[in-house]
C-alpha atoms as a PDB file:
ATOM      1  CA  MET A   1      35.218  -6.637 -83.098  1.00  0.00           C
ATOM      2  CA  THR A   2      36.259  -4.428 -80.197  1.00  0.00           C
ATOM      3  CA  ILE A   3      36.708  -5.546 -76.626  1.00  0.00           C
ATOM      4  CA  ASN A   4      33.486  -3.777 -75.630  1.00  0.00           C
ATOM      5  CA  GLU A   5      31.564  -5.554 -78.397  1.00  0.00           C
ATOM      6  CA  THR A   6      33.081  -8.886 -77.372  1.00  0.00           C
ATOM      7  CA  VAL A   7      32.146  -8.351 -73.728  1.00  0.00           C
ATOM      8  CA  LYS A   8      28.620  -7.250 -74.719  1.00  0.00           C
ATOM      9  CA  THR A   9      28.239 -10.334 -76.913  1.00  0.00           C
ATOM     10  CA  ALA A  10      29.470 -12.632 -74.146  1.00  0.00           C
ATOM     11  CA  THR A  11      27.146 -10.945 -71.640  1.00  0.00           C
ATOM     12  CA  ASP A  12      24.163 -11.270 -73.991  1.00  0.00           C
ATOM     13  CA  MET A  13      24.891 -14.922 -74.701  1.00  0.00           C
ATOM     14  CA  THR A  14      25.303 -15.626 -70.977  1.00  0.00           C
ATOM     15  CA  ALA A  15      21.968 -13.933 -70.195  1.00  0.00           C
ATOM     16  CA  LYS A  16      20.242 -15.898 -72.944  1.00  0.00           C
ATOM     17  CA  GLY A  17      21.864 -19.097 -71.673  1.00  0.00           C
ATOM     18  CA  MET A  18      20.505 -18.414 -68.191  1.00  0.00           C
ATOM     19  CA  ASP A  19      17.067 -17.759 -69.681  1.00  0.00           C
ATOM     20  CA  ARG A  20      17.252 -21.121 -71.444  1.00  0.00           C
ATOM     21  CA  PHE A  21      18.400 -22.776 -68.227  1.00  0.00           C
ATOM     22  CA  ASN A  22      15.506 -21.204 -66.306  1.00  0.00           C
ATOM     23  CA  SER A  23      12.992 -22.313 -68.933  1.00  0.00           C
ATOM     24  CA  MET A  24      14.399 -25.849 -68.700  1.00  0.00           C
ATOM     25  CA  THR A  25      14.006 -25.716 -64.923  1.00  0.00           C
ATOM     26  CA  GLU A  26      10.376 -24.619 -65.289  1.00  0.00           C
ATOM     27  CA  LEU A  27       9.758 -27.398 -67.804  1.00  0.00           C
ATOM     28  CA  ASN A  28      11.313 -29.933 -65.421  1.00  0.00           C
ATOM     29  CA  MET A  29       9.127 -28.718 -62.550  1.00  0.00           C
ATOM     30  CA  ARG A  30       5.921 -28.894 -64.625  1.00  0.00           C
ATOM     31  CA  THR A  31       6.892 -32.381 -65.782  1.00  0.00           C
ATOM     32  CA  TRP A  32       7.676 -33.495 -62.230  1.00  0.00           C
ATOM     33  CA  GLU A  33       4.334 -32.175 -60.964  1.00  0.00           C
ATOM     34  CA  LYS A  34       2.427 -33.992 -63.705  1.00  0.00           C
ATOM     35  CA  LEU A  35       4.247 -37.283 -63.179  1.00  0.00           C
ATOM     36  CA  ALA A  36       4.059 -37.089 -59.385  1.00  0.00           C
ATOM     37  CA  GLY A  37       0.324 -36.422 -59.666  1.00  0.00           C
ATOM     38  CA  ARG A  38      -0.131 -39.486 -61.842  1.00  0.00           C
ATOM     39  CA  GLN A  39       1.901 -41.579 -59.428  1.00  0.00           C
ATOM     40  CA  MET A  40      -0.225 -40.439 -56.489  1.00  0.00           C
ATOM     41  CA  ASP A  41      -3.388 -41.298 -58.446  1.00  0.00           C
ATOM     42  CA  LEU A  42      -2.055 -44.802 -59.068  1.00  0.00           C
ATOM     43  CA  PHE A  43      -1.031 -45.187 -55.433  1.00  0.00           C
ATOM     44  CA  GLY A  44      -4.538 -44.198 -54.386  1.00  0.00           C
ATOM     45  CA  LEU A  45      -5.997 -46.735 -56.792  1.00  0.00           C
ATOM     46  CA  CYS A  46      -3.819 -49.517 -55.392  1.00  0.00           C
ATOM     47  CA  LEU A  47      -4.660 -48.519 -51.835  1.00  0.00           C
ATOM     48  CA  GLU A  48      -8.368 -48.519 -52.662  1.00  0.00           C
ATOM     49  CA  GLN A  49      -8.133 -51.999 -54.138  1.00  0.00           C
ATOM     50  CA  GLY A  50      -6.225 -53.249 -51.090  1.00  0.00           C
ATOM     51  CA  VAL A  51      -8.988 -51.972 -48.832  1.00  0.00           C
ATOM     52  CA  ARG A  52     -11.584 -53.672 -51.012  1.00  0.00           C
ATOM     53  CA  LEU A  53      -9.679 -56.968 -50.815  1.00  0.00           C
ATOM     54  CA  ALA A  54      -9.378 -56.704 -47.030  1.00  0.00           C
ATOM     55  CA  THR A  55     -13.083 -55.912 -46.710  1.00  0.00           C
ATOM     56  CA  LEU A  56     -13.906 -58.832 -48.979  1.00  0.00           C
ATOM     57  CA  ALA A  57     -11.860 -61.165 -46.770  1.00  0.00           C
ATOM     58  CA  THR A  58     -13.814 -60.158 -43.689  1.00  0.00           C
ATOM     59  CA  GLU A  59     -17.264 -60.061 -45.258  1.00  0.00           C
ATOM     60  CA  SER A  60     -17.256 -63.161 -47.462  1.00  0.00           C
ATOM     61  CA  LYS A  61     -19.609 -65.892 -46.323  1.00  0.00           C
ATOM     62  CA  ASN A  62     -17.563 -68.718 -47.781  1.00  0.00           C
ATOM     63  CA  TYR A  63     -14.465 -69.448 -49.812  1.00  0.00           C
ATOM     64  CA  SER A  64     -16.395 -69.430 -53.124  1.00  0.00           C
ATOM     65  CA  ASP A  65     -17.676 -65.904 -52.517  1.00  0.00           C
ATOM     66  CA  TYR A  66     -14.197 -64.814 -51.486  1.00  0.00           C
ATOM     67  CA  LEU A  67     -12.595 -66.282 -54.610  1.00  0.00           C
ATOM     68  CA  LYS A  68     -15.266 -64.795 -56.905  1.00  0.00           C
ATOM     69  CA  GLY A  69     -14.879 -61.402 -55.214  1.00  0.00           C
ATOM     70  CA  GLN A  70     -11.113 -61.502 -55.614  1.00  0.00           C
ATOM     71  CA  THR A  71     -11.490 -62.359 -59.283  1.00  0.00           C
ATOM     72  CA  ASP A  72     -13.885 -59.456 -59.824  1.00  0.00           C
ATOM     73  CA  ILE A  73     -11.638 -57.012 -57.988  1.00  0.00           C
ATOM     74  CA  VAL A  74      -8.529 -58.129 -59.895  1.00  0.00           C
ATOM     75  CA  LYS A  75     -10.387 -57.889 -63.213  1.00  0.00           C
ATOM     76  CA  GLU A  76     -11.602 -54.373 -62.419  1.00  0.00           C
ATOM     77  CA  MET A  77      -8.124 -53.373 -61.224  1.00  0.00           C
ATOM     78  CA  SER A  78      -6.572 -54.688 -64.431  1.00  0.00           C
ATOM     79  CA  GLU A  79      -9.002 -52.695 -66.550  1.00  0.00           C
ATOM     80  CA  ARG A  80      -8.419 -49.533 -64.552  1.00  0.00           C
ATOM     81  CA  MET A  81      -4.646 -50.000 -64.682  1.00  0.00           C
ATOM     82  CA  MET A  82      -4.839 -50.368 -68.466  1.00  0.00           C
ATOM     83  CA  ALA A  83      -6.794 -47.106 -68.681  1.00  0.00           C
ATOM     84  CA  GLU A  84      -4.290 -45.419 -66.363  1.00  0.00           C
ATOM     85  CA  THR A  85      -1.417 -46.739 -68.473  1.00  0.00           C
ATOM     86  CA  LYS A  86      -2.953 -45.233 -71.617  1.00  0.00           C
ATOM     87  CA  THR A  87      -3.383 -41.914 -69.853  1.00  0.00           C
ATOM     88  CA  SER A  88       0.226 -42.025 -68.646  1.00  0.00           C
ATOM     89  CA  MET A  89       1.456 -42.809 -72.158  1.00  0.00           C
ATOM     90  CA  GLN A  90      -0.411 -39.758 -73.481  1.00  0.00           C
ATOM     91  CA  LEU A  91       1.188 -37.657 -70.759  1.00  0.00           C
ATOM     92  CA  ILE A  92       4.635 -38.976 -71.630  1.00  0.00           C
ATOM     93  CA  GLY A  93       4.007 -38.075 -75.282  1.00  0.00           C
ATOM     94  CA  GLU A  94       3.110 -34.536 -74.235  1.00  0.00           C
ATOM     95  CA  VAL A  95       6.229 -34.290 -72.095  1.00  0.00           C
ATOM     96  CA  ARG A  96       8.354 -35.534 -74.998  1.00  0.00           C
ATOM     97  CA  ASP A  97       6.837 -32.863 -77.242  1.00  0.00           C
ATOM     98  CA  ASP A  98       7.484 -30.184 -74.609  1.00  0.00           C
ATOM     99  CA  TYR A  99      11.163 -31.143 -74.320  1.00  0.00           C
ATOM    100  CA  ARG A 100      11.557 -31.383 -78.086  1.00  0.00           C
ATOM    101  CA  GLY A 101      10.032 -27.906 -78.493  1.00  0.00           C
ATOM    102  CA  TRP A 102      12.321 -26.514 -75.806  1.00  0.00           C
ATOM    103  CA  TYR A 103      15.375 -28.046 -77.486  1.00  0.00           C
ATOM    104  CA  GLU A 104      14.428 -26.842 -80.960  1.00  0.00           C
ATOM    105  CA  ARG A 105      13.702 -23.282 -79.740  1.00  0.00           C
ATOM    106  CA  GLY A 106      17.021 -23.163 -77.919  1.00  0.00           C
ATOM    107  CA  LEU A 107      18.913 -24.476 -80.926  1.00  0.00           C
ATOM    108  CA  SER A 108      17.202 -21.976 -83.209  1.00  0.00           C
ATOM    109  CA  GLU A 109      17.984 -19.072 -80.871  1.00  0.00           C
ATOM    110  CA  LEU A 110      21.589 -20.185 -80.520  1.00  0.00           C
ATOM    111  CA  SER A 111      21.995 -20.476 -84.299  1.00  0.00           C
ATOM    112  CA  THR A 112      20.575 -16.986 -84.756  1.00  0.00           C
ATOM    113  CA  ASP A 113      22.881 -15.586 -82.066  1.00  0.00           C
ATOM    114  CA  LEU A 114      25.926 -17.245 -83.601  1.00  0.00           C
ATOM    115  CA  ARG A 115      25.056 -15.940 -87.079  1.00  0.00           C
ATOM    116  CA  GLU A 116      24.772 -12.419 -85.683  1.00  0.00           C
ATOM    117  CA  VAL A 117      28.219 -12.701 -84.082  1.00  0.00           C
ATOM    118  CA  VAL A 118      30.061 -14.616 -86.801  1.00  0.00           C
ATOM    119  CA  ALA A 119      28.768 -12.774 -89.880  1.00  0.00           C
ATOM    120  CA  PRO A 120      30.169  -9.317 -88.955  1.00  0.00           C
ATOM    121  CA  ALA A 121      33.439 -10.887 -87.783  1.00  0.00           C
ATOM    122  CA  ALA A 122      33.808 -12.736 -91.084  1.00  0.00           C
ATOM    123  CA  ARG A 123      33.363  -9.510 -93.091  1.00  0.00           C
ATOM    124  CA  ALA A 124      36.054  -7.733 -91.106  1.00  0.00           C
END
């Protein structure tokens, strides 16, 4: 392998490495946006329930109504949180699959690149 071929190979591998790095950055940004969106949804849900509890405290006629209202709100919140948790778990599964696919593609490309470089050098 000549010096020019070696430099070309190193340049190609560096460019491909930067492409992989950029695709990882894009994947990280998409993941961050998804997870931040979910977190904001959950924050909104908690804020909504807090407002409902405060309203209940001011509008209840007696302690029994207040206690029953709290129980209903907490039950509804628990059910909604369970649904949100399931949705978040599905999202995390998708993210895991995205990262696994990125890793496997990168490993496959790297293996191919190394075979292309090593095979001619081994014959020489």
